[in-house]
Amino acid sequence: MKNGKDLLHRVRQCVEASPLRMTRKRERLLETLVSVDRPIPAAELRDRAGLPAGDLVTVYRTLEAFEGIGILQRIPLEDSGHLFELTEPNDHHHHFVCRECHKTERLDLCLADNLSKQARKLGFTQVTHLMEVYGLCPDCRE
């Protein structure tokens, strides 16, 4: 899905073009996000990046900043937690999410255009959406 070196180069360019300052912790988090092959929770990201337990707030702030510049996607879980996935700059997609093990698979379907048209007809503006599909993966089903 993602070629780590190329993706890292593109997201670094995106960060450089943004008002964000690249700190050592942000760099470690970015490199860790590139190295994982699946969306992960913030605490696991912190641990994999080798940051102290007290840095979880820093991790969340960094994830929020990355999301704000369009290089990270937050995947809501049914239990109100989240997984985080580094993406191509401004890539938008949805996921199938296993409700047991939280395995995710990319869902290459988005209804944003249809939803926006319907929203405009109803008088809504500044429309955004979340859409994840939850079920059991083949491993957890057995």
C-alpha atoms as a PDB file:
ATOM      1  CA  MET A   1       0.000   0.000   0.000  1.00  0.00           C
ATOM      2  CA  LYS A   2       2.614   2.549   0.969  1.00  0.00           C
ATOM      3  CA  ASN A   3       6.240   2.778  -0.089  1.00  0.00           C
ATOM      4  CA  GLY A   4       7.766   4.042   3.168  1.00  0.00           C
ATOM      5  CA  LYS A   5      10.660   6.094   1.792  1.00  0.00           C
ATOM      6  CA  ASP A   6       8.577   7.831  -0.871  1.00  0.00           C
ATOM      7  CA  LEU A   7       5.673   8.439   1.506  1.00  0.00           C
ATOM      8  CA  LEU A   8       8.008   9.842   4.155  1.00  0.00           C
ATOM      9  CA  HIS A   9       9.466  12.238   1.577  1.00  0.00           C
ATOM     10  CA  ARG A  10       5.999  13.435   0.483  1.00  0.00           C
ATOM     11  CA  VAL A  11       4.680  13.918   4.017  1.00  0.00           C
ATOM     12  CA  ARG A  12       7.869  15.759   5.027  1.00  0.00           C
ATOM     13  CA  GLN A  13       7.310  18.116   2.096  1.00  0.00           C
ATOM     14  CA  CYS A  14       3.763  18.657   3.304  1.00  0.00           C
ATOM     15  CA  VAL A  15       5.008  19.419   6.822  1.00  0.00           C
ATOM     16  CA  GLU A  16       7.637  21.831   5.469  1.00  0.00           C
ATOM     17  CA  ALA A  17       4.954  23.658   3.472  1.00  0.00           C
ATOM     18  CA  SER A  18       2.811  23.982   6.605  1.00  0.00           C
ATOM     19  CA  PRO A  19       3.260  26.214   9.646  1.00  0.00           C
ATOM     20  CA  LEU A  20       4.283  23.151  11.724  1.00  0.00           C
ATOM     21  CA  ARG A  21       7.784  23.003  13.110  1.00  0.00           C
ATOM     22  CA  MET A  22       9.399  19.560  12.807  1.00  0.00           C
ATOM     23  CA  THR A  23      10.630  18.705  16.297  1.00  0.00           C
ATOM     24  CA  ARG A  24      12.612  15.578  17.135  1.00  0.00           C
ATOM     25  CA  LYS A  25       9.532  13.977  18.737  1.00  0.00           C
ATOM     26  CA  ARG A  26       7.393  14.754  15.696  1.00  0.00           C
ATOM     27  CA  GLU A  27      10.084  13.285  13.459  1.00  0.00           C
ATOM     28  CA  ARG A  28      10.185  10.092  15.563  1.00  0.00           C
ATOM     29  CA  LEU A  29       6.406   9.803  15.437  1.00  0.00           C
ATOM     30  CA  LEU A  30       6.370  10.382  11.687  1.00  0.00           C
ATOM     31  CA  GLU A  31       9.059   7.759  11.081  1.00  0.00           C
ATOM     32  CA  THR A  32       7.196   5.307  13.299  1.00  0.00           C
ATOM     33  CA  LEU A  33       3.913   5.909  11.465  1.00  0.00           C
ATOM     34  CA  VAL A  34       5.666   5.205   8.157  1.00  0.00           C
ATOM     35  CA  SER A  35       7.180   1.996   9.520  1.00  0.00           C
ATOM     36  CA  VAL A  36       3.919   0.372  10.651  1.00  0.00           C
ATOM     37  CA  ASP A  37       1.797  -1.525   8.155  1.00  0.00           C
ATOM     38  CA  ARG A  38      -1.547  -0.847   9.810  1.00  0.00           C
ATOM     39  CA  PRO A  39      -3.407   1.901  11.649  1.00  0.00           C
ATOM     40  CA  ILE A  40      -2.442   1.950  15.341  1.00  0.00           C
ATOM     41  CA  PRO A  41      -3.645   3.487  18.617  1.00  0.00           C
ATOM     42  CA  ALA A  42      -1.814   6.513  20.018  1.00  0.00           C
ATOM     43  CA  ALA A  43      -0.380   4.646  23.031  1.00  0.00           C
ATOM     44  CA  GLU A  44       1.145   1.983  20.780  1.00  0.00           C
ATOM     45  CA  LEU A  45       2.581   4.709  18.551  1.00  0.00           C
ATOM     46  CA  ARG A  46       4.143   6.354  21.604  1.00  0.00           C
ATOM     47  CA  ASP A  47       5.670   3.044  22.713  1.00  0.00           C
ATOM     48  CA  ARG A  48       6.983   2.147  19.259  1.00  0.00           C
ATOM     49  CA  ALA A  49       8.514   5.622  18.921  1.00  0.00           C
ATOM     50  CA  GLY A  50      10.297   5.100  22.232  1.00  0.00           C
ATOM     51  CA  LEU A  51       8.705   8.082  23.944  1.00  0.00           C
ATOM     52  CA  PRO A  52       8.076   8.163  27.716  1.00  0.00           C
ATOM     53  CA  ALA A  53       4.632   7.277  29.093  1.00  0.00           C
ATOM     54  CA  GLY A  54       4.056  10.924  30.059  1.00  0.00           C
ATOM     55  CA  ASP A  55       4.315  11.975  26.411  1.00  0.00           C
ATOM     56  CA  LEU A  56       0.882  10.653  25.416  1.00  0.00           C
ATOM     57  CA  VAL A  57      -0.542  14.197  25.398  1.00  0.00           C
ATOM     58  CA  THR A  58       2.290  15.240  23.071  1.00  0.00           C
ATOM     59  CA  VAL A  59       1.485  12.279  20.824  1.00  0.00           C
ATOM     60  CA  TYR A  60      -2.191  13.275  20.619  1.00  0.00           C
ATOM     61  CA  ARG A  61      -1.305  16.918  19.891  1.00  0.00           C
ATOM     62  CA  THR A  62       1.095  15.817  17.163  1.00  0.00           C
ATOM     63  CA  LEU A  63      -1.498  13.481  15.644  1.00  0.00           C
ATOM     64  CA  GLU A  64      -4.026  16.314  15.648  1.00  0.00           C
ATOM     65  CA  ALA A  65      -1.491  18.601  13.954  1.00  0.00           C
ATOM     66  CA  PHE A  66      -0.678  15.949  11.332  1.00  0.00           C
ATOM     67  CA  GLU A  67      -4.384  15.413  10.724  1.00  0.00           C
ATOM     68  CA  GLY A  68      -4.835  19.174  10.344  1.00  0.00           C
ATOM     69  CA  ILE A  69      -2.328  19.367   7.500  1.00  0.00           C
ATOM     70  CA  GLY A  70      -3.813  16.350   5.733  1.00  0.00           C
ATOM     71  CA  ILE A  71      -1.183  13.628   6.268  1.00  0.00           C
ATOM     72  CA  LEU A  72      -2.973  11.540   8.873  1.00  0.00           C
ATOM     73  CA  GLN A  73      -6.354   9.896   9.087  1.00  0.00           C
ATOM     74  CA  ARG A  74      -8.143   9.209  12.375  1.00  0.00           C
ATOM     75  CA  ILE A  75     -10.204   6.019  12.365  1.00  0.00           C
ATOM     76  CA  PRO A  76     -12.926   5.970  15.020  1.00  0.00           C
ATOM     77  CA  LEU A  77     -13.582   2.720  16.841  1.00  0.00           C
ATOM     78  CA  GLU A  78     -16.967   1.666  18.180  1.00  0.00           C
ATOM     79  CA  ASP A  79     -15.701   1.906  21.783  1.00  0.00           C
ATOM     80  CA  SER A  80     -14.836   5.604  21.283  1.00  0.00           C
ATOM     81  CA  GLY A  81     -11.118   4.942  20.825  1.00  0.00           C
ATOM     82  CA  HIS A  82      -9.216   5.755  17.641  1.00  0.00           C
ATOM     83  CA  LEU A  83      -6.614   4.298  15.347  1.00  0.00           C
ATOM     84  CA  PHE A  84      -4.262   6.535  13.375  1.00  0.00           C
ATOM     85  CA  GLU A  85      -2.905   6.037   9.879  1.00  0.00           C
ATOM     86  CA  LEU A  86      -0.360   8.084   7.951  1.00  0.00           C
ATOM     87  CA  THR A  87      -1.695   8.792   4.471  1.00  0.00           C
ATOM     88  CA  GLU A  88      -0.620  10.391   1.260  1.00  0.00           C
ATOM     89  CA  PRO A  89      -1.147  14.137   1.619  1.00  0.00           C
ATOM     90  CA  ASN A  90      -4.873  14.890   1.491  1.00  0.00           C
ATOM     91  CA  ASP A  91      -5.832  11.282   0.744  1.00  0.00           C
ATOM     92  CA  HIS A  92      -9.332  10.470   1.913  1.00  0.00           C
ATOM     93  CA  HIS A  93     -10.721   6.982   2.329  1.00  0.00           C
ATOM     94  CA  HIS A  94     -12.729   4.831   4.696  1.00  0.00           C
ATOM     95  CA  HIS A  95     -12.195   1.440   6.354  1.00  0.00           C
ATOM     96  CA  PHE A  96     -13.679  -1.874   7.251  1.00  0.00           C
ATOM     97  CA  VAL A  97     -12.793  -2.331  10.945  1.00  0.00           C
ATOM     98  CA  CYS A  98     -12.911  -5.584  12.904  1.00  0.00           C
ATOM     99  CA  ARG A  99     -14.805  -4.931  16.106  1.00  0.00           C
ATOM    100  CA  GLU A 100     -12.742  -7.586  17.950  1.00  0.00           C
ATOM    101  CA  CYS A 101      -9.077  -7.160  16.932  1.00  0.00           C
ATOM    102  CA  HIS A 102      -9.359  -3.745  15.211  1.00  0.00           C
ATOM    103  CA  LYS A 103      -7.782  -5.022  12.007  1.00  0.00           C
ATOM    104  CA  THR A 104      -8.569  -2.538   9.243  1.00  0.00           C
ATOM    105  CA  GLU A 105      -8.922  -2.825   5.515  1.00  0.00           C
ATOM    106  CA  ARG A 106      -9.151   0.139   3.188  1.00  0.00           C
ATOM    107  CA  LEU A 107     -12.585   0.750   1.709  1.00  0.00           C
ATOM    108  CA  ASP A 108     -12.200   2.505  -1.630  1.00  0.00           C
ATOM    109  CA  LEU A 109     -15.662   3.994  -1.618  1.00  0.00           C
ATOM    110  CA  CYS A 110     -16.729   7.450  -0.559  1.00  0.00           C
ATOM    111  CA  LEU A 111     -20.160   8.966  -0.832  1.00  0.00           C
ATOM    112  CA  ALA A 112     -18.972  12.526  -0.119  1.00  0.00           C
ATOM    113  CA  ASP A 113     -20.171  14.016  -3.418  1.00  0.00           C
ATOM    114  CA  ASN A 114     -23.632  12.497  -3.100  1.00  0.00           C
ATOM    115  CA  LEU A 115     -23.851  13.489   0.564  1.00  0.00           C
ATOM    116  CA  SER A 116     -22.755  17.066  -0.196  1.00  0.00           C
ATOM    117  CA  LYS A 117     -25.411  17.427  -2.915  1.00  0.00           C
ATOM    118  CA  GLN A 118     -28.101  16.127  -0.564  1.00  0.00           C
ATOM    119  CA  ALA A 119     -26.865  18.398   2.234  1.00  0.00           C
ATOM    120  CA  ARG A 120     -27.004  21.474  -0.042  1.00  0.00           C
ATOM    121  CA  LYS A 121     -30.565  20.590  -1.043  1.00  0.00           C
ATOM    122  CA  LEU A 122     -31.451  20.540   2.656  1.00  0.00           C
ATOM    123  CA  GLY A 123     -29.657  23.823   3.326  1.00  0.00           C
ATOM    124  CA  PHE A 124     -26.634  22.411   5.171  1.00  0.00           C
ATOM    125  CA  THR A 125     -23.199  24.000   4.710  1.00  0.00           C
ATOM    126  CA  GLN A 126     -19.652  23.162   5.890  1.00  0.00           C
ATOM    127  CA  VAL A 127     -20.480  19.457   5.626  1.00  0.00           C
ATOM    128  CA  THR A 128     -18.014  16.784   6.648  1.00  0.00           C
ATOM    129  CA  HIS A 129     -18.487  13.088   7.254  1.00  0.00           C
ATOM    130  CA  LEU A 130     -17.151   9.955   8.931  1.00  0.00           C
ATOM    131  CA  MET A 131     -17.840   6.514   7.591  1.00  0.00           C
ATOM    132  CA  GLU A 132     -16.277   3.336   8.863  1.00  0.00           C
ATOM    133  CA  VAL A 133     -17.840  -0.100   8.501  1.00  0.00           C
ATOM    134  CA  TYR A 134     -17.579  -2.486  11.474  1.00  0.00           C
ATOM    135  CA  GLY A 135     -17.778  -6.261  11.477  1.00  0.00           C
ATOM    136  CA  LEU A 136     -15.712  -9.348  12.283  1.00  0.00           C
ATOM    137  CA  CYS A 137     -12.602 -10.197  10.274  1.00  0.00           C
ATOM    138  CA  PRO A 138     -12.154 -13.809   9.103  1.00  0.00           C
ATOM    139  CA  ASP A 139      -9.720 -14.574  11.976  1.00  0.00           C
ATOM    140  CA  CYS A 140     -12.074 -13.315  14.698  1.00  0.00           C
ATOM    141  CA  ARG A 141     -15.166 -14.863  13.132  1.00  0.00           C
ATOM    142  CA  GLU A 142     -13.858 -18.380  13.772  1.00  0.00           C
END
